């Protein structure tokens, strides 16, 4: 189940009041990117893509966290009955469904960590999982960014960026570029 576009926008506005920061604008940029790309894909719904992109980081509502925002978003959306959004909250940070490639602090309870691990185990990503992973890498609070530059920035800030994750993200860029028959940067600008 999904919220409407209006409900999703209200959820983000309310969440920003709980935890102000650039994450809200990042989510809006990701949503617009997802909507534009999905509109060019015959097997995708642009409205659904927008809603999922907008809410992928809704766990940030609960404070400044790293891995914690993944669990918080998953739990929050599950509690609201938005299972499709909950799934995206879980998968958006994992272009490879393996917790060991997560970049950032493991600031989540043991229970939360187990939920994430269990959720990723055996996960087969659908088109929306892949799309939001891509758009998360393309979006900054200020607009669309070059994905390689964004990953390099993360590498500088955290001291590393697993090559397999880098390669998986670049493969998503190519996958959707091939799928729509256009350069993704031209689509999302």
Protein backbone atom coordinates (compact mmCIF):
# COMPACT_ATOMS: atom_id res chain seq x y z
CA UNK A 1 0.00 0.00 0.00
CA UNK A 2 1.11 3.55 -0.79
CA UNK A 3 0.13 6.95 0.52
CA UNK A 4 -1.08 9.46 -2.05
CA UNK A 5 1.35 12.04 -3.35
CA UNK A 6 -0.25 14.66 -1.10
CA UNK A 7 -0.06 12.39 1.94
CA UNK A 8 3.60 11.63 1.19
CA UNK A 9 4.42 15.33 0.89
CA UNK A 10 2.70 15.98 4.21
CA UNK A 11 4.67 13.15 5.86
CA UNK A 12 7.94 14.76 4.74
CA UNK A 13 6.89 18.26 5.85
CA UNK A 14 5.88 16.91 9.27
CA UNK A 15 9.13 14.91 9.51
CA UNK A 16 11.21 17.98 8.69
CA UNK A 17 9.64 19.74 11.67
CA UNK A 18 10.85 16.86 13.86
CA UNK A 19 14.35 16.84 12.35
CA UNK A 20 15.12 19.83 10.11
CA UNK A 21 17.95 19.45 7.65
CA UNK A 22 18.92 19.03 4.01
CA UNK A 23 17.54 15.48 3.89
CA UNK A 24 14.08 16.80 2.98
CA UNK A 25 15.29 18.60 -0.11
CA UNK A 26 17.48 15.63 -1.01
CA UNK A 27 14.34 13.47 -0.86
CA UNK A 28 12.43 15.89 -3.09
CA UNK A 29 15.21 15.83 -5.68
CA UNK A 30 15.33 12.02 -5.55
CA UNK A 31 11.54 11.92 -6.00
CA UNK A 32 11.62 14.17 -9.06
CA UNK A 33 14.44 12.13 -10.59
CA UNK A 34 12.53 8.90 -9.96
CA UNK A 35 9.37 10.34 -11.46
CA UNK A 36 11.14 11.51 -14.64
CA UNK A 37 12.93 8.20 -15.19
CA UNK A 38 9.87 6.05 -14.44
CA UNK A 39 7.78 8.13 -16.87
CA UNK A 40 10.03 6.82 -19.65
CA UNK A 41 9.74 3.18 -18.54
CA UNK A 42 6.74 1.28 -19.88
CA UNK A 43 6.70 -1.07 -16.88
CA UNK A 44 6.83 1.62 -14.19
CA UNK A 45 4.40 4.08 -12.62
CA UNK A 46 5.84 7.59 -12.38
CA UNK A 47 3.53 8.60 -9.51
CA UNK A 48 4.54 5.55 -7.47
CA UNK A 49 8.21 6.26 -8.21
CA UNK A 50 7.80 9.85 -6.99
CA UNK A 51 6.16 8.75 -3.73
CA UNK A 52 8.80 6.10 -3.06
CA UNK A 53 11.61 8.54 -3.84
CA UNK A 54 10.10 11.18 -1.59
CA UNK A 55 9.77 8.83 1.38
CA UNK A 56 12.96 6.75 1.07
CA UNK A 57 14.65 8.75 3.87
CA UNK A 58 11.57 9.29 6.06
CA UNK A 59 13.41 7.55 8.91
CA UNK A 60 15.40 10.77 9.28
CA UNK A 61 12.29 12.09 11.03
CA UNK A 62 13.62 10.43 14.17
CA UNK A 63 16.95 12.25 14.30
CA UNK A 64 20.40 12.40 12.79
CA UNK A 65 21.35 8.78 12.24
CA UNK A 66 23.26 6.60 9.83
CA UNK A 67 21.99 3.01 9.60
CA UNK A 68 19.38 3.92 12.19
CA UNK A 69 17.40 5.89 9.61
CA UNK A 70 16.98 2.72 7.52
CA UNK A 71 15.38 0.82 10.40
CA UNK A 72 13.41 3.83 11.67
CA UNK A 73 11.92 4.45 8.23
CA UNK A 74 11.13 0.79 7.72
CA UNK A 75 9.41 0.53 11.10
CA UNK A 76 7.52 3.83 10.73
CA UNK A 77 6.15 3.00 7.29
CA UNK A 78 5.30 -0.57 8.36
CA UNK A 79 3.38 0.80 11.34
CA UNK A 80 1.44 3.14 9.00
CA UNK A 81 0.62 0.22 6.70
CA UNK A 82 2.73 1.49 3.80
CA UNK A 83 4.55 -1.76 3.06
CA UNK A 84 5.87 -0.69 -0.35
CA UNK A 85 7.47 2.38 1.17
CA UNK A 86 8.81 0.34 4.10
CA UNK A 87 10.58 -1.92 1.62
CA UNK A 88 12.23 1.09 -0.07
CA UNK A 89 13.29 2.47 3.32
CA UNK A 90 15.06 -0.85 3.86
CA UNK A 91 16.61 -1.28 0.40
CA UNK A 92 17.59 2.24 -0.66
CA UNK A 93 21.00 2.18 1.05
CA UNK A 94 21.95 -1.24 -0.27
CA UNK A 95 22.63 -1.46 -4.00
CA UNK A 96 24.08 -4.79 -2.92
CA UNK A 97 21.76 -6.56 -0.45
CA UNK A 98 24.54 -7.07 2.08
CA UNK A 99 24.84 -5.16 5.34
CA UNK A 100 28.64 -5.49 5.28
CA UNK A 101 28.91 -2.89 2.50
CA UNK A 102 27.04 -0.23 4.47
CA UNK A 103 29.03 3.00 4.74
CA UNK A 104 28.45 4.81 8.01
CA UNK A 105 27.82 4.11 11.66
CA UNK A 106 25.82 1.09 12.78
CA UNK A 107 23.74 3.25 15.14
CA UNK A 108 20.85 0.84 15.40
CA UNK A 109 19.70 -1.53 18.13
CA UNK A 110 20.48 -5.24 17.91
CA UNK A 111 16.80 -5.79 17.12
CA UNK A 112 16.93 -3.22 14.34
CA UNK A 113 20.11 -4.69 12.93
CA UNK A 114 18.51 -8.14 12.85
CA UNK A 115 15.44 -6.77 11.06
CA UNK A 116 17.65 -5.17 8.41
CA UNK A 117 19.79 -8.29 7.98
CA UNK A 118 16.74 -10.54 7.73
CA UNK A 119 15.06 -8.17 5.29
CA UNK A 120 18.09 -8.09 3.00
CA UNK A 121 18.76 -11.83 3.12
CA UNK A 122 17.58 -13.34 -0.14
CA UNK A 123 16.16 -10.01 -1.29
CA UNK A 124 15.44 -9.83 -5.01
CA UNK A 125 15.26 -6.19 -6.01
CA UNK A 126 12.42 -4.98 -8.18
CA UNK A 127 12.52 -2.01 -10.55
CA UNK A 128 11.52 0.44 -7.83
CA UNK A 129 14.24 -0.72 -5.42
CA UNK A 130 16.80 -0.21 -8.18
CA UNK A 131 15.37 3.13 -9.26
CA UNK A 132 15.37 4.65 -5.77
CA UNK A 133 18.91 3.36 -5.13
CA UNK A 134 19.98 5.17 -8.31
CA UNK A 135 18.09 8.36 -7.52
CA UNK A 136 19.46 8.41 -3.96
CA UNK A 137 22.95 8.52 -5.53
CA UNK A 138 21.98 11.26 -8.00
CA UNK A 139 20.26 13.60 -5.57
CA UNK A 140 21.69 16.22 -3.27
CA UNK A 141 19.73 18.83 -1.38
CA UNK A 142 20.78 21.34 -4.03
CA UNK A 143 19.85 19.29 -7.08
CA UNK A 144 21.17 16.53 -9.29
CA UNK A 145 24.85 15.67 -8.89
CA UNK A 146 27.30 13.50 -10.78
CA UNK A 147 27.08 10.09 -9.14
CA UNK A 148 30.81 9.38 -9.32
CA UNK A 149 31.54 12.74 -7.66
CA UNK A 150 29.01 11.99 -4.93
CA UNK A 151 30.52 8.58 -4.22
CA UNK A 152 34.00 10.11 -4.18
CA UNK A 153 32.77 12.67 -1.64
CA UNK A 154 31.47 9.81 0.54
CA UNK A 155 34.83 8.05 0.18
CA UNK A 156 36.63 11.19 1.38
CA UNK A 157 34.28 11.73 4.32
CA UNK A 158 34.19 8.11 5.53
CA UNK A 159 37.64 6.96 4.44
CA UNK A 160 36.41 4.23 2.12
CA UNK A 161 33.81 3.20 -0.43
CA UNK A 162 33.60 -0.50 -1.29
CA UNK A 163 34.44 -1.03 -4.94
CA UNK A 164 31.62 -3.55 -5.34
CA UNK A 165 29.12 -0.94 -4.13
CA UNK A 166 30.62 1.68 -6.45
CA UNK A 167 30.35 -0.75 -9.37
CA UNK A 168 26.77 -1.70 -8.45
CA UNK A 169 25.74 1.97 -8.39
CA UNK A 170 27.37 2.63 -11.75
CA UNK A 171 25.61 -0.46 -13.13
CA UNK A 172 22.27 1.05 -12.03
CA UNK A 173 23.10 4.21 -13.98
CA UNK A 174 23.83 2.15 -17.08
CA UNK A 175 20.81 -0.12 -16.55
CA UNK A 176 18.33 2.73 -16.47
CA UNK A 177 20.12 4.62 -19.25
CA UNK A 178 19.78 1.54 -21.44
CA UNK A 179 16.19 1.03 -20.33
CA UNK A 180 15.08 4.53 -21.33
CA UNK A 181 17.46 4.80 -24.27
CA UNK A 182 18.91 8.09 -23.06
CA UNK A 183 21.60 9.49 -20.84
CA UNK A 184 20.10 9.57 -17.35
CA UNK A 185 21.61 12.97 -16.59
CA UNK A 186 19.70 14.42 -19.56
CA UNK A 187 16.50 12.81 -18.26
CA UNK A 188 16.77 14.18 -14.72
CA UNK A 189 18.01 17.69 -15.43
